[in-house]
N, C-alpha and C. Protein backbone atom coordinates (compact mmCIF):
# COMPACT_ATOMS: atom_id res chain seq x y z
N MET A 1 -0.84 -32.81 3.34
CA MET A 1 -0.71 -31.50 4.14
C MET A 1 0.65 -31.20 4.40
N TYR A 2 1.26 -30.11 4.49
CA TYR A 2 2.55 -29.79 4.93
C TYR A 2 2.66 -29.24 6.31
N SER A 3 3.71 -29.49 6.88
CA SER A 3 3.92 -28.90 8.37
C SER A 3 3.98 -27.52 8.16
N ARG A 4 3.90 -26.91 9.27
CA ARG A 4 4.20 -25.49 9.25
C ARG A 4 5.54 -24.96 8.68
N GLU A 5 6.58 -25.75 9.07
CA GLU A 5 8.01 -25.48 8.79
C GLU A 5 8.16 -25.89 7.20
N GLU A 6 7.56 -26.85 6.85
CA GLU A 6 7.72 -27.17 5.25
C GLU A 6 6.94 -26.17 4.42
N SER A 7 5.88 -25.69 4.97
CA SER A 7 4.94 -24.45 4.24
C SER A 7 5.75 -23.29 4.18
N GLN A 8 6.59 -22.96 5.39
CA GLN A 8 7.39 -21.63 5.39
C GLN A 8 8.54 -21.78 4.47
N ARG A 9 9.12 -22.99 4.34
CA ARG A 9 10.19 -23.29 3.44
C ARG A 9 9.88 -23.09 2.15
N MET A 10 8.87 -23.68 1.64
CA MET A 10 8.16 -23.83 0.34
C MET A 10 7.96 -22.24 -0.15
N LYS A 11 7.33 -21.53 0.79
CA LYS A 11 7.11 -20.21 0.53
C LYS A 11 8.38 -19.27 0.38
N ARG A 12 9.26 -19.56 1.08
CA ARG A 12 10.73 -18.83 1.00
C ARG A 12 11.20 -19.40 -0.36
N GLU A 13 11.01 -20.69 -0.69
CA GLU A 13 11.55 -21.07 -2.09
C GLU A 13 10.94 -20.50 -3.17
N PHE A 14 9.66 -20.14 -3.07
CA PHE A 14 8.65 -19.53 -3.96
C PHE A 14 9.24 -18.24 -4.22
N TRP A 15 9.32 -17.28 -3.24
CA TRP A 15 9.80 -16.05 -3.39
C TRP A 15 11.00 -15.88 -4.10
N VAL A 16 11.96 -16.79 -3.55
CA VAL A 16 13.51 -16.84 -4.12
C VAL A 16 13.43 -16.78 -5.59
N ALA A 17 12.36 -18.01 -6.04
CA ALA A 17 12.33 -18.47 -7.46
C ALA A 17 11.64 -17.27 -8.15
N PHE A 18 10.72 -16.40 -7.67
CA PHE A 18 10.15 -15.36 -8.33
C PHE A 18 11.19 -14.32 -8.47
N ALA A 19 12.04 -14.10 -7.49
CA ALA A 19 13.27 -12.93 -7.66
C ALA A 19 14.20 -13.28 -8.65
N GLU A 20 14.26 -14.56 -8.66
CA GLU A 20 15.28 -14.95 -9.73
C GLU A 20 14.69 -15.01 -11.21
N LYS A 21 13.46 -15.26 -11.36
CA LYS A 21 12.75 -14.99 -12.61
C LYS A 21 12.69 -13.65 -13.07
N TYR A 22 12.26 -12.77 -12.19
CA TYR A 22 12.05 -11.52 -12.41
C TYR A 22 12.75 -10.60 -11.55
N PRO A 23 14.19 -10.47 -11.87
CA PRO A 23 15.01 -9.81 -10.66
C PRO A 23 15.01 -8.14 -11.21
N ARG A 24 14.03 -7.59 -10.54
CA ARG A 24 13.74 -6.04 -10.57
C ARG A 24 13.38 -5.59 -9.32
N LYS A 25 13.32 -4.23 -9.18
CA LYS A 25 12.98 -3.63 -7.99
C LYS A 25 11.38 -3.13 -8.09
N TRP A 26 10.68 -3.64 -7.39
CA TRP A 26 9.26 -3.17 -7.75
C TRP A 26 8.84 -2.09 -6.74
N ILE A 27 7.96 -1.07 -7.05
CA ILE A 27 7.64 -0.08 -6.16
C ILE A 27 7.33 -0.42 -4.84
N LEU A 28 6.39 -1.37 -4.56
CA LEU A 28 5.74 -1.79 -3.48
C LEU A 28 5.35 -0.91 -2.47
N TYR A 29 6.33 -0.67 -1.38
CA TYR A 29 5.90 0.56 -0.31
C TYR A 29 6.45 1.93 -0.76
N ASP A 30 7.25 1.97 -1.70
CA ASP A 30 7.94 3.16 -2.07
C ASP A 30 7.17 4.12 -3.00
N THR A 31 5.77 4.28 -2.52
CA THR A 31 4.99 4.90 -3.33
C THR A 31 5.08 6.63 -3.03
N LYS A 32 5.71 6.90 -1.99
CA LYS A 32 5.74 8.37 -1.37
C LYS A 32 4.55 8.76 -0.78
N ILE A 33 3.46 7.73 -0.74
CA ILE A 33 2.25 8.09 -0.02
C ILE A 33 2.18 7.18 1.23
N LYS A 34 2.00 7.87 2.22
CA LYS A 34 1.98 7.00 3.62
C LYS A 34 0.65 6.04 3.66
N ASP A 35 1.04 4.77 3.99
CA ASP A 35 0.26 3.78 4.05
C ASP A 35 -0.84 3.30 2.70
N PHE A 36 0.10 3.63 1.63
CA PHE A 36 -0.27 3.27 0.26
C PHE A 36 0.42 2.36 -0.26
N SER A 37 0.32 1.22 -0.50
CA SER A 37 1.42 0.23 -1.17
C SER A 37 0.72 -0.85 -2.12
N PHE A 38 1.77 -1.43 -2.71
CA PHE A 38 1.46 -2.36 -3.71
C PHE A 38 1.75 -3.67 -3.09
N LYS A 39 1.16 -4.75 -3.26
CA LYS A 39 1.67 -6.01 -2.64
C LYS A 39 1.24 -7.24 -3.58
N PHE A 40 2.10 -8.32 -3.28
CA PHE A 40 1.87 -9.55 -4.00
C PHE A 40 1.17 -10.34 -2.88
N TYR A 41 0.28 -11.35 -3.16
CA TYR A 41 -0.31 -12.14 -2.15
C TYR A 41 -0.54 -13.45 -2.94
N VAL A 42 -0.06 -14.59 -2.02
CA VAL A 42 -0.33 -15.97 -2.80
C VAL A 42 -0.63 -16.81 -1.55
N ASP A 43 -1.60 -17.69 -1.61
CA ASP A 43 -1.90 -18.86 -0.69
C ASP A 43 -2.02 -20.20 -1.66
N ASN A 44 -2.83 -21.05 -1.05
CA ASN A 44 -2.97 -22.24 -1.75
C ASN A 44 -4.21 -22.29 -2.80
N LYS A 45 -4.90 -21.14 -2.86
CA LYS A 45 -6.06 -21.17 -3.98
C LYS A 45 -6.11 -20.09 -4.87
N LYS A 46 -5.26 -19.08 -4.49
CA LYS A 46 -5.21 -18.00 -5.33
C LYS A 46 -4.00 -17.18 -5.34
N ALA A 47 -3.73 -16.24 -6.41
CA ALA A 47 -2.77 -15.32 -6.24
C ALA A 47 -3.17 -13.94 -6.68
N GLN A 48 -2.65 -12.97 -5.98
CA GLN A 48 -3.43 -11.72 -6.12
C GLN A 48 -2.07 -10.48 -6.26
N VAL A 49 -2.58 -9.54 -7.02
CA VAL A 49 -1.68 -8.35 -7.13
C VAL A 49 -2.52 -7.18 -6.27
N LEU A 50 -2.08 -6.58 -5.43
CA LEU A 50 -3.10 -5.57 -4.74
C LEU A 50 -2.46 -4.12 -4.46
N ILE A 51 -3.31 -3.06 -4.52
CA ILE A 51 -3.11 -2.01 -3.96
C ILE A 51 -3.83 -1.85 -2.66
N ASP A 52 -3.05 -1.59 -1.56
CA ASP A 52 -3.80 -1.46 -0.15
C ASP A 52 -3.48 -0.02 0.28
N ILE A 53 -4.63 0.67 0.71
CA ILE A 53 -4.61 2.01 1.22
C ILE A 53 -5.12 1.83 2.57
N GLU A 54 -4.09 2.02 3.68
CA GLU A 54 -4.42 1.74 4.98
C GLU A 54 -4.29 2.89 5.89
N HIS A 55 -4.49 3.93 5.36
CA HIS A 55 -4.32 5.22 6.13
C HIS A 55 -5.31 5.22 7.35
N ARG A 56 -4.69 5.73 8.46
CA ARG A 56 -5.48 5.74 9.64
C ARG A 56 -6.73 6.59 9.79
N SER A 57 -6.71 7.53 8.84
CA SER A 57 -7.68 8.64 8.84
C SER A 57 -8.51 7.98 7.74
N ASP A 58 -9.85 7.71 7.90
CA ASP A 58 -10.87 7.21 7.03
C ASP A 58 -11.07 8.16 5.87
N GLU A 59 -10.97 9.60 6.25
CA GLU A 59 -11.07 10.53 5.26
C GLU A 59 -10.08 10.57 4.15
N LYS A 60 -8.80 10.44 4.75
CA LYS A 60 -7.82 10.45 3.65
C LYS A 60 -7.71 9.17 2.90
N ARG A 61 -8.03 7.95 3.68
CA ARG A 61 -8.06 6.69 2.87
C ARG A 61 -9.14 6.84 1.96
N ASN A 62 -10.13 7.29 2.14
CA ASN A 62 -11.22 7.22 1.24
C ASN A 62 -10.91 8.18 -0.05
N ALA A 63 -10.27 9.35 0.33
CA ALA A 63 -9.78 10.22 -0.65
C ALA A 63 -8.87 9.56 -1.77
N TYR A 64 -8.00 8.89 -1.11
CA TYR A 64 -7.14 8.21 -2.15
C TYR A 64 -7.72 7.14 -2.78
N PHE A 65 -8.67 6.32 -2.37
CA PHE A 65 -9.41 5.37 -2.93
C PHE A 65 -10.19 5.88 -4.02
N GLU A 66 -11.02 7.16 -3.88
CA GLU A 66 -11.75 7.81 -4.82
C GLU A 66 -11.00 8.28 -6.02
N LYS A 67 -9.62 8.69 -5.70
CA LYS A 67 -8.75 9.34 -6.81
C LYS A 67 -8.54 8.06 -7.79
N ILE A 68 -8.37 6.97 -7.13
CA ILE A 68 -7.99 5.85 -8.21
C ILE A 68 -9.33 5.46 -8.81
N GLU A 69 -10.34 5.55 -8.18
CA GLU A 69 -11.78 4.98 -8.52
C GLU A 69 -11.95 6.02 -9.73
N ALA A 70 -11.87 7.36 -9.74
CA ALA A 70 -12.11 8.38 -10.73
C ALA A 70 -11.13 7.95 -12.11
N LEU A 71 -10.24 7.22 -12.11
CA LEU A 71 -9.30 6.76 -13.02
C LEU A 71 -9.67 5.34 -13.54
N LYS A 72 -10.87 4.88 -12.88
CA LYS A 72 -10.85 3.49 -13.15
C LYS A 72 -11.13 3.08 -14.70
N ASN A 73 -11.88 3.77 -15.43
CA ASN A 73 -11.97 3.50 -16.89
C ASN A 73 -10.73 3.52 -17.54
N ILE A 74 -9.85 4.62 -17.37
CA ILE A 74 -8.41 4.61 -17.92
C ILE A 74 -7.46 3.33 -17.40
N LEU A 75 -7.46 3.00 -16.24
CA LEU A 75 -6.96 1.94 -15.58
C LEU A 75 -7.38 0.44 -16.20
N GLU A 76 -8.66 0.50 -16.47
CA GLU A 76 -8.93 -0.85 -17.00
C GLU A 76 -8.85 -0.83 -18.60
N GLU A 77 -9.02 0.21 -19.22
CA GLU A 77 -8.90 0.26 -20.75
C GLU A 77 -7.43 0.20 -21.20
N GLU A 78 -6.50 0.90 -20.43
CA GLU A 78 -5.15 1.15 -20.82
C GLU A 78 -4.25 0.25 -20.09
N PHE A 79 -4.23 -0.35 -18.96
CA PHE A 79 -3.49 -1.05 -18.17
C PHE A 79 -3.88 -2.39 -17.64
N ILE A 80 -4.95 -2.62 -16.92
CA ILE A 80 -5.37 -3.91 -16.49
C ILE A 80 -6.65 -4.07 -16.26
N LYS A 81 -7.35 -5.12 -16.70
CA LYS A 81 -8.69 -5.43 -16.54
C LYS A 81 -9.11 -6.37 -15.40
N ASP A 82 -10.19 -6.49 -15.03
CA ASP A 82 -10.70 -7.40 -14.04
C ASP A 82 -10.45 -7.06 -12.71
N LEU A 83 -10.03 -5.70 -12.30
CA LEU A 83 -9.94 -5.20 -11.16
C LEU A 83 -10.98 -5.29 -10.13
N VAL A 84 -10.90 -5.58 -8.95
CA VAL A 84 -11.93 -5.52 -7.83
C VAL A 84 -11.63 -4.23 -6.98
N PHE A 85 -12.48 -3.31 -7.00
CA PHE A 85 -12.45 -2.21 -6.18
C PHE A 85 -13.36 -2.36 -4.77
N GLU A 86 -12.58 -2.16 -3.71
CA GLU A 86 -13.59 -2.45 -2.35
C GLU A 86 -13.00 -1.34 -1.43
N LYS A 87 -13.97 -0.27 -1.35
CA LYS A 87 -13.74 0.88 -0.51
C LYS A 87 -13.48 0.42 0.91
N ASN A 88 -14.21 -0.28 1.54
CA ASN A 88 -13.99 -0.62 2.90
C ASN A 88 -14.19 -2.36 2.99
N TYR A 89 -12.51 -2.45 2.82
CA TYR A 89 -12.31 -4.08 2.96
C TYR A 89 -11.71 -4.33 4.39
N THR A 90 -12.42 -5.25 4.99
CA THR A 90 -12.12 -5.61 6.45
C THR A 90 -10.99 -6.76 6.35
N LEU A 91 -9.67 -6.47 6.97
CA LEU A 91 -8.55 -7.69 7.09
C LEU A 91 -9.06 -8.40 8.19
N GLU A 92 -8.38 -9.73 8.18
CA GLU A 92 -8.53 -10.54 9.25
C GLU A 92 -8.36 -10.09 10.69
N SER A 93 -7.55 -9.02 10.90
CA SER A 93 -7.38 -8.38 12.00
C SER A 93 -8.51 -7.43 12.44
N GLY A 94 -9.41 -7.29 11.75
CA GLY A 94 -10.59 -6.45 11.84
C GLY A 94 -10.20 -4.87 11.43
N LYS A 95 -9.17 -4.64 10.97
CA LYS A 95 -8.89 -3.28 10.39
C LYS A 95 -9.54 -3.11 9.05
N THR A 96 -10.03 -1.96 8.90
CA THR A 96 -10.73 -1.56 7.63
C THR A 96 -9.89 -0.74 6.69
N ILE A 97 -9.49 -1.42 5.55
CA ILE A 97 -8.79 -0.61 4.57
C ILE A 97 -9.53 -0.41 3.30
N SER A 98 -9.00 0.25 2.30
CA SER A 98 -9.37 0.17 0.92
C SER A 98 -8.56 -0.71 0.15
N ARG A 99 -8.96 -1.47 -0.67
CA ARG A 99 -8.28 -2.45 -1.59
C ARG A 99 -8.67 -2.60 -2.96
N ILE A 100 -7.78 -2.53 -3.81
CA ILE A 100 -7.97 -2.87 -5.30
C ILE A 100 -7.08 -3.97 -5.66
N TRP A 101 -7.65 -5.03 -6.26
CA TRP A 101 -6.74 -6.16 -6.69
C TRP A 101 -7.42 -6.78 -7.99
N VAL A 102 -6.56 -7.69 -8.36
CA VAL A 102 -6.85 -8.72 -9.40
C VAL A 102 -6.22 -9.83 -8.89
N GLU A 103 -7.04 -10.91 -9.20
CA GLU A 103 -6.58 -12.13 -8.77
C GLU A 103 -6.89 -13.37 -9.95
N LYS A 104 -5.88 -14.22 -9.62
CA LYS A 104 -5.85 -15.69 -10.48
C LYS A 104 -6.39 -16.84 -9.41
N LEU A 105 -7.46 -17.38 -9.86
CA LEU A 105 -7.84 -18.29 -8.99
C LEU A 105 -7.32 -19.88 -9.48
N GLY A 106 -7.48 -20.74 -8.60
CA GLY A 106 -7.06 -22.08 -8.75
C GLY A 106 -5.37 -22.33 -8.97
N VAL A 107 -4.78 -21.41 -8.40
CA VAL A 107 -3.29 -21.57 -8.34
C VAL A 107 -2.90 -21.69 -6.80
N GLY A 108 -1.75 -22.21 -6.44
CA GLY A 108 -1.25 -22.07 -5.11
C GLY A 108 0.19 -22.27 -5.11
N PHE A 109 0.97 -21.65 -4.08
CA PHE A 109 2.31 -21.72 -3.83
C PHE A 109 2.84 -23.29 -3.58
N SER A 110 2.08 -24.01 -3.02
CA SER A 110 2.48 -25.29 -2.60
C SER A 110 2.47 -26.38 -4.01
N ASN A 111 2.03 -25.81 -5.05
CA ASN A 111 2.04 -26.77 -6.35
C ASN A 111 3.10 -26.11 -7.37
N ARG A 112 4.21 -26.72 -7.15
CA ARG A 112 5.40 -26.00 -8.03
C ARG A 112 4.98 -25.89 -9.49
N ASN A 113 4.07 -26.86 -9.95
CA ASN A 113 3.64 -26.64 -11.23
C ASN A 113 2.94 -25.38 -11.76
N ASN A 114 2.39 -24.71 -10.59
CA ASN A 114 1.80 -23.58 -10.53
C ASN A 114 2.58 -22.31 -10.70
N TRP A 115 3.93 -22.35 -10.20
CA TRP A 115 4.84 -21.20 -9.94
C TRP A 115 4.91 -20.35 -11.28
N ASP A 116 5.22 -20.90 -12.32
CA ASP A 116 5.54 -20.08 -13.55
C ASP A 116 4.17 -19.24 -13.74
N ALA A 117 3.19 -19.87 -13.80
CA ALA A 117 1.93 -19.09 -14.15
C ALA A 117 1.64 -18.05 -13.20
N ILE A 118 1.93 -18.34 -11.73
CA ILE A 118 1.88 -17.23 -10.88
C ILE A 118 2.82 -16.10 -11.06
N PHE A 119 4.06 -16.57 -11.20
CA PHE A 119 5.16 -15.38 -11.48
C PHE A 119 4.70 -14.68 -12.69
N ASP A 120 4.36 -15.18 -13.77
CA ASP A 120 3.92 -14.46 -14.97
C ASP A 120 2.77 -13.37 -14.60
N PHE A 121 1.85 -14.01 -13.86
CA PHE A 121 0.73 -13.22 -13.44
C PHE A 121 1.09 -12.16 -12.54
N PHE A 122 1.95 -12.31 -11.61
CA PHE A 122 2.43 -11.43 -10.79
C PHE A 122 3.08 -10.10 -11.63
N ASN A 123 4.09 -10.66 -12.40
CA ASN A 123 4.81 -9.65 -13.25
C ASN A 123 4.12 -8.87 -14.14
N GLU A 124 3.12 -9.36 -14.80
CA GLU A 124 2.28 -8.71 -15.80
C GLU A 124 1.39 -7.84 -15.13
N ASN A 125 0.84 -8.09 -13.97
CA ASN A 125 -0.18 -7.06 -13.33
C ASN A 125 0.38 -6.23 -12.55
N MET A 126 1.43 -6.57 -11.80
CA MET A 126 2.25 -5.54 -10.99
C MET A 126 2.75 -4.51 -11.97
N HIS A 127 3.50 -4.98 -13.10
CA HIS A 127 4.03 -3.85 -13.91
C HIS A 127 3.00 -2.94 -14.43
N ALA A 128 1.83 -3.55 -14.92
CA ALA A 128 0.61 -2.66 -15.27
C ALA A 128 0.16 -1.78 -14.24
N LEU A 129 0.05 -2.12 -12.85
CA LEU A 129 -0.34 -1.36 -11.90
C LEU A 129 0.86 -0.09 -11.53
N GLU A 130 2.01 -0.60 -11.70
CA GLU A 130 3.02 0.45 -11.45
C GLU A 130 3.17 1.36 -12.61
N MET A 131 3.09 1.03 -13.88
CA MET A 131 3.00 1.91 -14.89
C MET A 131 1.82 2.95 -14.82
N PHE A 132 0.57 2.59 -14.40
CA PHE A 132 -0.69 3.22 -14.28
C PHE A 132 -0.17 4.27 -13.04
N TYR A 133 0.26 3.97 -11.98
CA TYR A 133 0.82 4.77 -10.84
C TYR A 133 1.79 5.78 -11.28
N LEU A 134 2.87 5.21 -12.16
CA LEU A 134 3.86 6.29 -12.40
C LEU A 134 3.28 7.29 -13.34
N GLU A 135 2.26 7.03 -14.04
CA GLU A 135 1.76 7.94 -15.08
C GLU A 135 0.67 8.99 -14.19
N TYR A 136 0.08 8.59 -13.28
CA TYR A 136 -0.92 9.25 -12.51
C TYR A 136 -0.78 9.67 -11.17
N ASP A 137 0.59 9.31 -10.64
CA ASP A 137 0.98 9.64 -9.28
C ASP A 137 0.74 10.84 -8.74
N GLU A 138 1.01 11.97 -9.63
CA GLU A 138 0.76 13.40 -8.92
C GLU A 138 -0.68 13.54 -8.81
N PHE A 139 -1.44 13.15 -9.71
CA PHE A 139 -3.02 13.34 -9.32
C PHE A 139 -3.41 12.54 -8.17
N ILE A 140 -2.91 11.37 -8.03
CA ILE A 140 -3.30 10.41 -6.72
C ILE A 140 -2.90 11.05 -5.62
N LYS A 141 -1.61 11.64 -5.53
CA LYS A 141 -1.07 12.19 -4.36
C LYS A 141 -1.82 13.64 -3.87
N ASP A 142 -2.26 14.20 -4.77
CA ASP A 142 -3.09 15.42 -4.73
C ASP A 142 -4.05 15.31 -3.60
N VAL A 143 -4.05 14.92 -2.45
CA VAL A 143 -5.13 14.85 -1.53
C VAL A 143 -4.91 15.79 -0.48
N GLN A 144 -5.85 16.79 -0.04
CA GLN A 144 -5.68 17.64 1.16
C GLN A 144 -5.89 17.10 2.33
């Protein structure tokens, strides 16, 4: 097992290596929708590419989620398969958000041999989600 400092150092090295392999600007938080973001996540068991909808208003959060859910067939047929849709996802903090994600199991940042597979997974899936979003953002944003 790694100490906390070693683990933090390795995570920093992981993200620097990812940025060097795929040097581009991702949309991430720049969606022009409050509390609607794209995220990368990795731990020692899995890697995930996520859409988190964290709006304080459950009504708005659900409306954004339902907009994407309405496009689910297009999203899965044309952009990315094996997505998990969870309207009411509870974070460790207890906060309820809506989350849509795809994951790769059996990989972790502490094993450098996994890094290229994780980087490729991140790039391929985040790119697909971004292309979907850029094509349908006006529809998704149109929430009263």
